[in-house]
């Protein structure tokens, strides 16, 4: 047995040597196969500047808010996102057009925050006061699910990165075996760093933390080389750093393993030891690839072009990067009150709900119900301690998320306890709940203050957006009330769900702001985009078709002919290139695909029985607004924690959750001729597209023709065959 173990050890060393011996200072290229071969994490890292698509000429001092994705390593909804940083203060830290890398950070979202714990391998006799960065080329860069590789030209270091849920694994192959150093730039992050520490705990181990934003991120590091010296600058302060010099042992291959924890250093150490331990880089990478393969393979598509398959699986991949894990292997996490507690479930960050409630969290509930259940439990934990179910940025869409998940069969959480807190969100006007809820309940709309000269960045009530979104959220909660037999609240909330009618101006046929006295906001320019005056990151055109819970009621307000004419104008009335607003970009007429508020609008023709007009617009968006530019890497608008990606996934599959809370999907013509869904419960849904036109015909489930344009979620719970006929 001892001889067998020795033989295995020698074999592993030989395989490791083969990995790095092809070129003395380069790793062998990574072979890709399976569904992961279609994923390109670099999509969305380039800036979209074409004014014909954006709608205006981008100002010289702007980098457009397009994509804002990161190419580094992560597992689905993991704590760690290990990715290169090319610029601080940028959306995701990495900008494709940049030519230098300044570090590899361990958290990411794509929202100008995070990018914590940056680390950079360097070579040469450097002082802590030097400027640290290295040029790199996209020719020596590679990215795939669970993997990132790049060659640092100035330091002669080939870098490979992979990760687990809570730990990162770095491999550095140095051109020169001596003068090897590692920079820990702990005074830097996309949030301001308050304090940091780093302490040597052994010949080749370190521990510390980075106190930043709302988080205190603890870290534990081990290296395969002895630490000779640690030099610090601005020890513990913002913009401070530590430079680790490794002992000259003739080893070109340096491995750095790091565990993170939002609770404690002990948790970070345990996370590293349990998730990485003594396992090799290749073993960790293989595990990461298998994890992604298991998820991506749940939706197996046939047909379509190579670009469509690449975009589909890249978007499916990006749909499962947020929300992120926040609890350790031992169950400990730091709660909303910043106290360390121990839970019995995985604790997650709040989903980016203003963006993702529309489609992304629905997709996650379908394909990852266990994670969804844990996110709801985490939100309940936050609600227990603050009095309200948390939401994100705007609206009250935690209600839609929880109710929609419950109606889709996810019920292994404290349903009654969670529902009681959800009711507080809807009725309690106390601090921490819905902004301006008192006026909304009393008047039936959120009133706008008088503003003499509103501009793009005017901060006001966003009264139209709030009224429309609160009305939808009331409807969402009403559906859960009905399911639970709470008839009284169902009736009250359904009455409030009609409040969208109170901001519809029949004279202009726009959703329009109202003052507290009931008068319409005057003057009124429906073309002008606002950040928070009447509309949130939108103009009147983009919000005037947002009534996902009652589209037939909206058609009635317009009148069918007026509705169709107005909807036609939404997609054809020219955008004024002088109207420049952050996030209101990528225009099709007045429709803005680069931001979320009107993402239901392309499907709105269905409700006047003209799905062919919707199909034409959906196809244009799928074909023309994803994967543009010279490298095919441009995305229209920021990905927003996967919302833009999930819009593509659903639309390419021929399904869309028009009203996200409702357990049903609007059917369109899929891009692919065959789709096989393998659900987490083992049930299989086979989708066939019969015919080669892009005009929707009959829809059948298990041989029975389906009435209308929606199919029920029960198909995905029970399995079956969906046939979409074209005509």
Foldseek 3Di string as FASTA:
>chain_A
DVVVVVVVVVVVVVVVCVQCVVPQLEGDDDDDDFLQVLADQLFLQEADQDCVFFVFGDDPPDRAQFALGFQAEDFFQFPWGWGWAQDQQFQFRGHPPGFKTQFTFTDGFRHLFFSAWTKDKAFDPDDQPDRDIFGWDVVQWDGTYQWTWTAGVVRSWTWIWGADRFKIKIKIQGPFLARIKMKGQRLDTSFGWAWKAWDDDDQFKIWMWTHGDPFIKIKIKGKPFGFDDKDKDPHTHHRIIIMTHTDRPRDRIMMMMMGIARADNVLRVVQRCVLPNPDDPVVRSVVSVVSLSVQLVLKDFFDFDSNLSSLQSNLSVLLRHDFHWHAGPQQWGQAPVRDIDGDDATATDAGQQVQCLFFSLLVCLFAPVRVLLNPLQNQLRNCVVPLARDHHDAFRCVLLSVLLSVQLPNDPHPLVSSLVSHVCLQPPPDPPHHPQNVLCVVPLWRAWDADPDDDQEDAIALTLAHSLRSLLSLQLSLSSCVVVVVVVSNVVSPVSNPSNVLQQDLVVRWRFHHHSVSHTDPPADQQAAHCHGNHHRAGRLQQSCRSLPCLLVSCVSQPVVSVVVSLVQCQDARRDNVRDHRQQTRHRRRHGLQHRSRLLSLCSCLSVVCRVSSLVVLVCCLVPAQQDDPRSSIHRHYCRSSSSSSSNNQVQQQWGCSSSSAQKTFGFQHSGQWIWRQTPVRAIEIEGEADDDRAWDWKDWQPHTDPGGMDGSVCSVHPTYIYIYGD
